[in-house]
Amino acid sequence: KKLLNEIHDKKAKYPMKGMIINELATLINERGIKVEQIQILENELTLSLVSRNEKRLTELLKDISHHGDYAVSTKEIAKLEESLFYSSDVSVKVK
């Protein structure tokens, strides 16, 4: 029974992760932000994002938080040394 539950969870949750990544990708693309890396752990995604404009990153965080299905957080938006780009590691949890 435990094995059947595990198989069911994987079948049910795998497509859900795909839908979440698709929704986030749409929001990210609308702001012209680049994704360097995506890490997935259970119900949390960590996105390493880069943008030429700090405001775009801030607006993206607001967009994700207003979506309603996600809790979003980041420790900082930092300007990369000797670069025109800003970066942030953004954590998105499914509520």
Protein backbone atom coordinates (compact mmCIF):
# COMPACT_ATOMS: atom_id res chain seq x y z
CA LYS A 1 0.00 0.00 0.00
CA LYS A 2 2.86 2.38 0.83
CA LEU A 3 4.42 1.78 -2.58
CA LEU A 4 1.10 2.43 -4.31
CA ASN A 5 0.73 5.71 -2.42
CA GLU A 6 4.25 6.75 -3.41
CA ILE A 7 3.58 5.96 -7.07
CA HIS A 8 0.31 7.88 -6.97
CA ASP A 9 1.98 10.90 -5.33
CA LYS A 10 4.68 10.96 -8.01
CA LYS A 11 2.12 10.71 -10.82
CA ALA A 12 -0.06 13.43 -9.30
CA LYS A 13 2.70 15.83 -8.28
CA TYR A 14 4.96 15.58 -11.33
CA PRO A 15 2.56 17.28 -13.77
CA MET A 16 1.81 19.89 -11.09
CA LYS A 17 5.48 20.87 -10.96
CA GLY A 18 5.44 21.29 -14.72
CA MET A 19 2.43 23.61 -14.51
CA ILE A 20 4.08 25.66 -11.76
CA ILE A 21 7.31 26.03 -13.74
CA ASN A 22 5.28 27.06 -16.79
CA GLU A 23 3.38 29.74 -14.82
CA LEU A 24 6.59 31.09 -13.29
CA ALA A 25 8.37 31.06 -16.66
CA THR A 26 5.57 33.16 -18.13
CA LEU A 27 5.88 35.74 -15.33
CA ILE A 28 9.69 35.77 -15.64
CA ASN A 29 9.59 36.21 -19.42
CA GLU A 30 7.08 39.07 -19.15
CA ARG A 31 9.68 40.98 -17.11
CA GLY A 32 12.63 40.12 -19.37
CA ILE A 33 14.51 38.34 -16.60
CA LYS A 34 16.95 35.48 -17.22
CA VAL A 35 17.03 32.22 -15.23
CA GLU A 36 20.48 30.85 -14.41
CA GLN A 37 19.37 27.85 -12.39
CA ILE A 38 16.29 26.10 -10.98
CA GLN A 39 16.42 23.85 -7.92
CA ILE A 40 13.36 21.79 -6.99
CA LEU A 41 12.80 20.38 -3.50
CA GLU A 42 9.40 18.89 -2.64
CA ASN A 43 7.05 21.92 -2.71
CA GLU A 44 9.73 24.61 -3.06
CA LEU A 45 11.52 25.99 -6.11
CA THR A 46 14.65 28.11 -5.87
CA LEU A 47 15.24 30.26 -8.93
CA SER A 48 18.57 31.96 -9.54
CA LEU A 49 17.58 35.05 -11.52
CA VAL A 50 19.57 37.76 -13.34
CA SER A 51 18.36 41.09 -14.68
CA ARG A 52 19.82 44.37 -15.91
CA ASN A 53 17.24 46.21 -13.85
CA GLU A 54 16.70 45.80 -10.10
CA LYS A 55 13.14 47.10 -10.45
CA ARG A 56 12.21 44.22 -12.78
CA LEU A 57 13.25 41.70 -10.12
CA THR A 58 11.22 43.55 -7.48
CA GLU A 59 8.18 43.68 -9.77
CA LEU A 60 8.52 39.96 -10.47
CA LEU A 61 8.45 39.21 -6.73
CA LYS A 62 5.25 41.26 -6.44
CA ASP A 63 3.73 39.46 -9.46
CA ILE A 64 4.44 36.04 -7.95
CA SER A 65 3.17 37.02 -4.48
CA HIS A 66 -0.07 38.45 -5.95
CA HIS A 67 -0.65 35.21 -7.85
CA GLY A 68 -2.12 33.71 -4.66
CA ASP A 69 -0.93 30.12 -5.00
CA TYR A 70 2.67 30.88 -4.04
CA ALA A 71 4.68 32.24 -1.15
CA VAL A 72 7.79 34.02 -2.44
CA SER A 73 10.91 35.21 -0.65
CA THR A 74 14.44 36.35 -1.31
CA LYS A 75 17.26 37.41 0.98
CA GLU A 76 18.62 40.11 -1.31
CA ILE A 77 18.89 41.54 -4.76
CA ALA A 78 22.60 42.14 -5.32
CA LYS A 79 24.50 43.90 -8.08
CA LEU A 80 27.13 41.59 -9.51
CA GLU A 81 30.65 42.94 -9.18
CA GLU A 82 32.00 44.71 -12.25
CA SER A 83 28.76 43.98 -14.09
CA LEU A 84 25.59 45.69 -15.22
CA PHE A 85 23.46 42.86 -13.85
CA TYR A 86 21.56 42.24 -10.63
CA SER A 87 20.99 38.76 -9.25
CA SER A 88 18.74 37.14 -6.68
CA ASP A 89 17.99 33.63 -5.46
CA VAL A 90 14.20 33.55 -5.17
CA SER A 91 12.39 30.83 -3.22
CA VAL A 92 8.85 30.00 -4.30
CA LYS A 93 6.72 27.68 -2.18
CA VAL A 94 3.38 26.25 -3.22
CA LYS A 95 0.72 27.09 -0.64
